[in-house]
Amino acid sequence: MSKKRTSAAAAETINTAQNEVEAVMYIGPSFKGVTSRTIFRNGLTPQLEEAVGKTPAIKLLIVPISKLAKAQLELADKSSARATAYAVALKAYT
């Protein structure tokens, strides 16, 4: 394969990767129509979109898979913004 073809193939791979949206996980409490630990690859469900609209703190509970470990640690820290968002969601939807 020529150098030009290799470079073109590499550029195409990079562009494809940049256009892909990373999957996210909802790590908040479960409520009607929304289950905790659900992975979303192609957008959120209407129920979760509606919940975010009514309770914006829920956005903190929707995390990219690549940041999941850090988010779970933050959730365990009761003084973190994520833990506060969890408490808000719990109060609003249970």
C-alpha atoms as a PDB file:
ATOM      1  CA  MET A   1       0.000   0.000   0.000  1.00  0.00           C
ATOM      2  CA  SER A   2       1.366   3.423  -0.853  1.00  0.00           C
ATOM      3  CA  LYS A   3       2.029   6.065   1.755  1.00  0.00           C
ATOM      4  CA  LYS A   4      -0.841   8.205   0.409  1.00  0.00           C
ATOM      5  CA  ARG A   5      -3.318   5.345   0.717  1.00  0.00           C
ATOM      6  CA  THR A   6      -2.166   4.587   4.265  1.00  0.00           C
ATOM      7  CA  SER A   7      -2.555   8.234   5.256  1.00  0.00           C
ATOM      8  CA  ALA A   8      -5.985   8.437   3.637  1.00  0.00           C
ATOM      9  CA  ALA A   9      -7.125   5.279   5.435  1.00  0.00           C
ATOM     10  CA  ALA A  10      -5.813   6.603   8.760  1.00  0.00           C
ATOM     11  CA  ALA A  11      -7.573   9.943   8.237  1.00  0.00           C
ATOM     12  CA  GLU A  12     -10.836   8.157   7.422  1.00  0.00           C
ATOM     13  CA  THR A  13     -10.555   6.053  10.574  1.00  0.00           C
ATOM     14  CA  ILE A  14      -9.949   9.165  12.685  1.00  0.00           C
ATOM     15  CA  ASN A  15     -12.902  10.991  11.119  1.00  0.00           C
ATOM     16  CA  THR A  16     -15.174   7.979  11.701  1.00  0.00           C
ATOM     17  CA  ALA A  17     -14.080   7.766  15.339  1.00  0.00           C
ATOM     18  CA  GLN A  18     -14.705  11.474  15.868  1.00  0.00           C
ATOM     19  CA  ASN A  19     -18.220  11.194  14.457  1.00  0.00           C
ATOM     20  CA  GLU A  20     -19.180   8.339  16.779  1.00  0.00           C
ATOM     21  CA  VAL A  21     -20.897   9.343  19.985  1.00  0.00           C
ATOM     22  CA  GLU A  22     -19.678   7.651  23.136  1.00  0.00           C
ATOM     23  CA  ALA A  23     -22.214   5.568  25.008  1.00  0.00           C
ATOM     24  CA  VAL A  24     -23.417   6.958  28.338  1.00  0.00           C
ATOM     25  CA  MET A  25     -24.811   5.333  31.456  1.00  0.00           C
ATOM     26  CA  TYR A  26     -27.522   6.640  33.752  1.00  0.00           C
ATOM     27  CA  ILE A  27     -26.275   6.092  37.326  1.00  0.00           C
ATOM     28  CA  GLY A  28     -29.171   7.636  39.223  1.00  0.00           C
ATOM     29  CA  PRO A  29     -32.098   5.993  40.992  1.00  0.00           C
ATOM     30  CA  SER A  30     -34.616   3.957  39.004  1.00  0.00           C
ATOM     31  CA  PHE A  31     -38.073   5.397  38.460  1.00  0.00           C
ATOM     32  CA  LYS A  32     -41.007   4.799  36.121  1.00  0.00           C
ATOM     33  CA  GLY A  33     -39.621   4.202  32.644  1.00  0.00           C
ATOM     34  CA  VAL A  34     -35.968   4.674  33.668  1.00  0.00           C
ATOM     35  CA  THR A  35     -33.712   1.989  35.119  1.00  0.00           C
ATOM     36  CA  SER A  36     -30.458   2.710  36.911  1.00  0.00           C
ATOM     37  CA  ARG A  37     -27.281   1.504  35.192  1.00  0.00           C
ATOM     38  CA  THR A  38     -28.860   1.647  31.733  1.00  0.00           C
ATOM     39  CA  ILE A  39     -26.445   2.256  28.858  1.00  0.00           C
ATOM     40  CA  PHE A  40     -27.568   4.577  26.052  1.00  0.00           C
ATOM     41  CA  ARG A  41     -25.824   4.469  22.682  1.00  0.00           C
ATOM     42  CA  ASN A  42     -28.202   6.445  20.456  1.00  0.00           C
ATOM     43  CA  GLY A  43     -29.633   9.138  22.689  1.00  0.00           C
ATOM     44  CA  LEU A  44     -31.768   9.036  25.794  1.00  0.00           C
ATOM     45  CA  THR A  45     -35.278   7.659  26.187  1.00  0.00           C
ATOM     46  CA  PRO A  46     -38.159  10.152  26.190  1.00  0.00           C
ATOM     47  CA  GLN A  47     -38.740   9.416  29.891  1.00  0.00           C
ATOM     48  CA  LEU A  48     -35.167  10.302  30.814  1.00  0.00           C
ATOM     49  CA  GLU A  49     -35.200  13.374  28.556  1.00  0.00           C
ATOM     50  CA  GLU A  50     -38.366  14.533  30.332  1.00  0.00           C
ATOM     51  CA  ALA A  51     -36.786  13.917  33.743  1.00  0.00           C
ATOM     52  CA  VAL A  52     -33.736  16.000  32.767  1.00  0.00           C
ATOM     53  CA  GLY A  53     -36.075  18.777  31.651  1.00  0.00           C
ATOM     54  CA  LYS A  54     -37.921  18.767  34.981  1.00  0.00           C
ATOM     55  CA  THR A  55     -34.882  18.090  37.182  1.00  0.00           C
ATOM     56  CA  PRO A  56     -31.691  19.401  35.514  1.00  0.00           C
ATOM     57  CA  ALA A  57     -29.477  17.888  38.243  1.00  0.00           C
ATOM     58  CA  ILE A  58     -30.111  14.513  36.604  1.00  0.00           C
ATOM     59  CA  LYS A  59     -27.656  15.533  33.864  1.00  0.00           C
ATOM     60  CA  LEU A  60     -24.876  14.822  36.368  1.00  0.00           C
ATOM     61  CA  LEU A  61     -26.108  11.237  36.599  1.00  0.00           C
ATOM     62  CA  ILE A  62     -25.687  10.582  32.863  1.00  0.00           C
ATOM     63  CA  VAL A  63     -22.006   9.874  32.349  1.00  0.00           C
ATOM     64  CA  PRO A  64     -19.837   8.742  29.440  1.00  0.00           C
ATOM     65  CA  ILE A  65     -18.691   5.149  29.851  1.00  0.00           C
ATOM     66  CA  SER A  66     -15.062   6.316  29.767  1.00  0.00           C
ATOM     67  CA  LYS A  67     -15.685   8.388  32.921  1.00  0.00           C
ATOM     68  CA  LEU A  68     -17.826   5.842  34.763  1.00  0.00           C
ATOM     69  CA  ALA A  69     -15.254   4.774  37.366  1.00  0.00           C
ATOM     70  CA  LYS A  70     -14.587   8.365  38.428  1.00  0.00           C
ATOM     71  CA  ALA A  71     -18.310   9.164  38.494  1.00  0.00           C
ATOM     72  CA  GLN A  72     -18.991   6.168  40.748  1.00  0.00           C
ATOM     73  CA  LEU A  73     -16.316   7.352  43.172  1.00  0.00           C
ATOM     74  CA  GLU A  74     -17.895  10.813  43.181  1.00  0.00           C
ATOM     75  CA  LEU A  75     -21.300   9.265  43.805  1.00  0.00           C
ATOM     76  CA  ALA A  76     -19.926   7.522  46.901  1.00  0.00           C
ATOM     77  CA  ASP A  77     -18.639  10.855  48.266  1.00  0.00           C
ATOM     78  CA  LYS A  78     -21.698  12.303  50.012  1.00  0.00           C
ATOM     79  CA  SER A  79     -20.339  15.852  49.679  1.00  0.00           C
ATOM     80  CA  SER A  80     -19.952  15.675  45.872  1.00  0.00           C
ATOM     81  CA  ALA A  81     -22.207  17.341  43.336  1.00  0.00           C
ATOM     82  CA  ARG A  82     -23.048  13.922  41.860  1.00  0.00           C
ATOM     83  CA  ALA A  83     -24.191  12.575  45.226  1.00  0.00           C
ATOM     84  CA  THR A  84     -26.309  15.684  45.710  1.00  0.00           C
ATOM     85  CA  ALA A  85     -27.828  15.195  42.244  1.00  0.00           C
ATOM     86  CA  TYR A  86     -28.632  11.583  43.161  1.00  0.00           C
ATOM     87  CA  ALA A  87     -30.410  12.754  46.328  1.00  0.00           C
ATOM     88  CA  VAL A  88     -32.372  15.342  44.332  1.00  0.00           C
ATOM     89  CA  ALA A  89     -33.418  12.726  41.777  1.00  0.00           C
ATOM     90  CA  LEU A  90     -34.354  10.285  44.518  1.00  0.00           C
ATOM     91  CA  LYS A  91     -36.544  12.867  46.218  1.00  0.00           C
ATOM     92  CA  ALA A  92     -38.151  13.991  42.962  1.00  0.00           C
ATOM     93  CA  TYR A  93     -38.952  10.544  41.575  1.00  0.00           C
ATOM     94  CA  THR A  94     -39.691   8.238  44.498  1.00  0.00           C
END
